[in-house]
Every structure is written in structure tokens, then in C-alpha cells.
C-alpha atoms as a PDB file:
ATOM      1  CA  MET A   1       0.000   0.000   0.000  1.00  0.00           C
ATOM      2  CA  SER A   2       1.447   3.306  -1.040  1.00  0.00           C
ATOM      3  CA  ARG A   3       1.245   6.463   1.026  1.00  0.00           C
ATOM      4  CA  ASN A   4       1.542   9.939  -0.382  1.00  0.00           C
ATOM      5  CA  PHE A   5       3.919  12.151   1.562  1.00  0.00           C
ATOM      6  CA  THR A   6       3.560  15.790   0.539  1.00  0.00           C
ATOM      7  CA  LEU A   7       6.105  18.254   1.852  1.00  0.00           C
ATOM      8  CA  LEU A   8       6.219  21.993   1.420  1.00  0.00           C
ATOM      9  CA  PHE A   9       8.593  23.336  -1.201  1.00  0.00           C
ATOM     10  CA  VAL A  10      10.342  25.381   1.495  1.00  0.00           C
ATOM     11  CA  LEU A  11      11.395  22.181   3.268  1.00  0.00           C
ATOM     12  CA  LEU A  12      12.654  20.516   0.094  1.00  0.00           C
ATOM     13  CA  SER A  13      14.041  23.496  -1.758  1.00  0.00           C
ATOM     14  CA  GLY A  14      17.418  21.767  -1.912  1.00  0.00           C
ATOM     15  CA  LEU A  15      15.915  18.732  -3.606  1.00  0.00           C
ATOM     16  CA  THR A  16      15.050  20.555  -6.809  1.00  0.00           C
ATOM     17  CA  VAL A  17      15.577  18.016  -9.553  1.00  0.00           C
ATOM     18  CA  GLY A  18      16.033  20.860 -12.038  1.00  0.00           C
ATOM     19  CA  GLN A  19      19.620  21.169 -10.899  1.00  0.00           C
ATOM     20  CA  LEU A  20      20.226  17.693 -12.309  1.00  0.00           C
ATOM     21  CA  SER A  21      18.139  17.700 -15.463  1.00  0.00           C
ATOM     22  CA  HIS A  22      16.218  19.981 -17.769  1.00  0.00           C
ATOM     23  CA  GLY A  23      12.846  21.156 -16.574  1.00  0.00           C
ATOM     24  CA  LEU A  24      10.522  24.056 -17.037  1.00  0.00           C
ATOM     25  CA  ALA A  25      11.487  27.414 -15.539  1.00  0.00           C
ATOM     26  CA  SER A  26       8.298  27.297 -13.468  1.00  0.00           C
ATOM     27  CA  ASP A  27       9.200  23.917 -11.895  1.00  0.00           C
ATOM     28  CA  ALA A  28      11.300  25.492  -9.140  1.00  0.00           C
ATOM     29  CA  SER A  29       8.244  27.249  -7.703  1.00  0.00           C
ATOM     30  CA  LYS A  30       6.105  24.087  -7.680  1.00  0.00           C
ATOM     31  CA  PRO A  31       5.614  21.974  -4.554  1.00  0.00           C
ATOM     32  CA  VAL A  32       7.561  18.739  -4.180  1.00  0.00           C
ATOM     33  CA  THR A  33       5.584  15.542  -3.568  1.00  0.00           C
ATOM     34  CA  ILE A  34       7.046  12.238  -2.496  1.00  0.00           C
ATOM     35  CA  ASP A  35       5.146   8.982  -2.878  1.00  0.00           C
ATOM     36  CA  ALA A  36       6.639   5.887  -1.232  1.00  0.00           C
ATOM     37  CA  ASP A  37       5.650   2.607   0.353  1.00  0.00           C
ATOM     38  CA  ARG A  38       7.337   3.571   3.642  1.00  0.00           C
ATOM     39  CA  ALA A  39       8.790   6.606   5.369  1.00  0.00           C
ATOM     40  CA  THR A  40      10.826   6.921   8.547  1.00  0.00           C
ATOM     41  CA  SER A  41      11.888  10.157  10.162  1.00  0.00           C
ATOM     42  CA  ASN A  42      14.159  11.015  13.072  1.00  0.00           C
ATOM     43  CA  GLY A  43      13.496  14.543  14.313  1.00  0.00           C
ATOM     44  CA  ILE A  44      16.671  14.603  16.402  1.00  0.00           C
ATOM     45  CA  SER A  45      19.114  13.640  13.631  1.00  0.00           C
ATOM     46  CA  GLY A  46      17.057  15.256  10.854  1.00  0.00           C
ATOM     47  CA  VAL A  47      17.225  12.120   8.701  1.00  0.00           C
ATOM     48  CA  THR A  48      14.125  11.105   6.740  1.00  0.00           C
ATOM     49  CA  THR A  49      14.205   7.995   4.565  1.00  0.00           C
ATOM     50  CA  TYR A  50      11.591   7.121   1.960  1.00  0.00           C
ATOM     51  CA  SER A  51      11.733   3.563   0.642  1.00  0.00           C
ATOM     52  CA  GLY A  52       9.903   1.243  -1.690  1.00  0.00           C
ATOM     53  CA  ASN A  53       8.837   2.523  -5.112  1.00  0.00           C
ATOM     54  CA  VAL A  54       9.790   6.123  -4.368  1.00  0.00           C
ATOM     55  CA  LEU A  55       8.447   8.737  -6.765  1.00  0.00           C
ATOM     56  CA  VAL A  56       9.513  12.368  -6.300  1.00  0.00           C
ATOM     57  CA  LYS A  57       7.673  14.966  -8.404  1.00  0.00           C
ATOM     58  CA  GLN A  58       8.147  18.703  -8.817  1.00  0.00           C
ATOM     59  CA  GLY A  59       6.272  20.332 -11.667  1.00  0.00           C
ATOM     60  CA  SER A  60       7.143  18.494 -14.884  1.00  0.00           C
ATOM     61  CA  MET A  61      10.094  16.647 -13.327  1.00  0.00           C
ATOM     62  CA  THR A  62      10.087  13.183 -11.760  1.00  0.00           C
ATOM     63  CA  LEU A  63      12.637  10.987 -10.020  1.00  0.00           C
ATOM     64  CA  ASN A  64      12.051   7.261  -9.430  1.00  0.00           C
ATOM     65  CA  SER A  65      14.186   5.380  -6.940  1.00  0.00           C
ATOM     66  CA  ASP A  66      14.209   2.493  -4.484  1.00  0.00           C
ATOM     67  CA  THR A  67      15.249   4.814  -1.626  1.00  0.00           C
ATOM     68  CA  VAL A  68      15.528   8.566  -1.065  1.00  0.00           C
ATOM     69  CA  THR A  69      17.242   9.915   2.051  1.00  0.00           C
ATOM     70  CA  LEU A  70      17.002  13.556   3.117  1.00  0.00           C
ATOM     71  CA  ILE A  71      18.961  15.247   5.883  1.00  0.00           C
ATOM     72  CA  THR A  72      17.541  18.494   7.215  1.00  0.00           C
ATOM     73  CA  LYS A  73      18.820  21.146   9.597  1.00  0.00           C
ATOM     74  CA  LYS A  74      16.604  24.032  10.688  1.00  0.00           C
ATOM     75  CA  ASN A  75      13.894  22.956   8.196  1.00  0.00           C
ATOM     76  CA  LYS A  76      16.266  23.099   5.214  1.00  0.00           C
ATOM     77  CA  VAL A  77      17.508  20.119   3.276  1.00  0.00           C
ATOM     78  CA  THR A  78      21.286  19.926   3.602  1.00  0.00           C
ATOM     79  CA  SER A  79      21.820  16.558   1.924  1.00  0.00           C
ATOM     80  CA  ARG A  80      19.801  14.273  -0.350  1.00  0.00           C
ATOM     81  CA  LYS A  81      20.537  10.899  -1.874  1.00  0.00           C
ATOM     82  CA  ALA A  82      18.605   8.629  -4.220  1.00  0.00           C
ATOM     83  CA  SER A  83      19.802   5.038  -4.290  1.00  0.00           C
ATOM     84  CA  GLY A  84      18.874   1.505  -5.276  1.00  0.00           C
ATOM     85  CA  LYS A  85      18.922  -0.793  -8.272  1.00  0.00           C
ATOM     86  CA  HIS A  86      16.822   1.602 -10.305  1.00  0.00           C
ATOM     87  CA  VAL A  87      17.294   5.360 -10.062  1.00  0.00           C
ATOM     88  CA  LYS A  88      15.747   7.270 -12.956  1.00  0.00           C
ATOM     89  CA  LEU A  89      15.324  10.987 -13.652  1.00  0.00           C
END
């Protein structure tokens, strides 16, 4: 069963896929949504891990992955990593 995890663009501003691939100019102002089978979050360490059929969308851009890990400090993403057998932009 898949759960839809929607996060505000402010929180994921560092995740903008447009830095990695071509997208529309308006994509950067669109909200980021993350759909995954599971999500775990540690508020103390700031590590959130999405796993199982992860789909990250922002505007016209998508990223598919087995796992996406975000590290946040003061509500800003400082590190992000997509990993697994299949990672596709």
C-alpha cells in the first residue's frame, strides 16, 4: 500500500531536480511531492528515509528510486541521496 507524503517546497528546496536535469522554468516554484511505500523520520538527527517505489515529483520533473534519504537542519535540506537498483530521472 502506497502512502503519499507531501512536503512543502520550502522544506525541500534543496531537492530541486532541475539542478540535475532539464525542466521548465516554473518547476522550481512548484511543490515537491514524495510517494513511497514507507517513510521513517528522526526529528533529532534530521534524517528522513523514503523507501519502496519512491516517486519524487516537482512540476514536470520526476525521479524514481528504491530509496531517497534527506537530511535536514533548521527545516532546510542539507543533503539528499537517491539510491537503489533503479534510479531514474
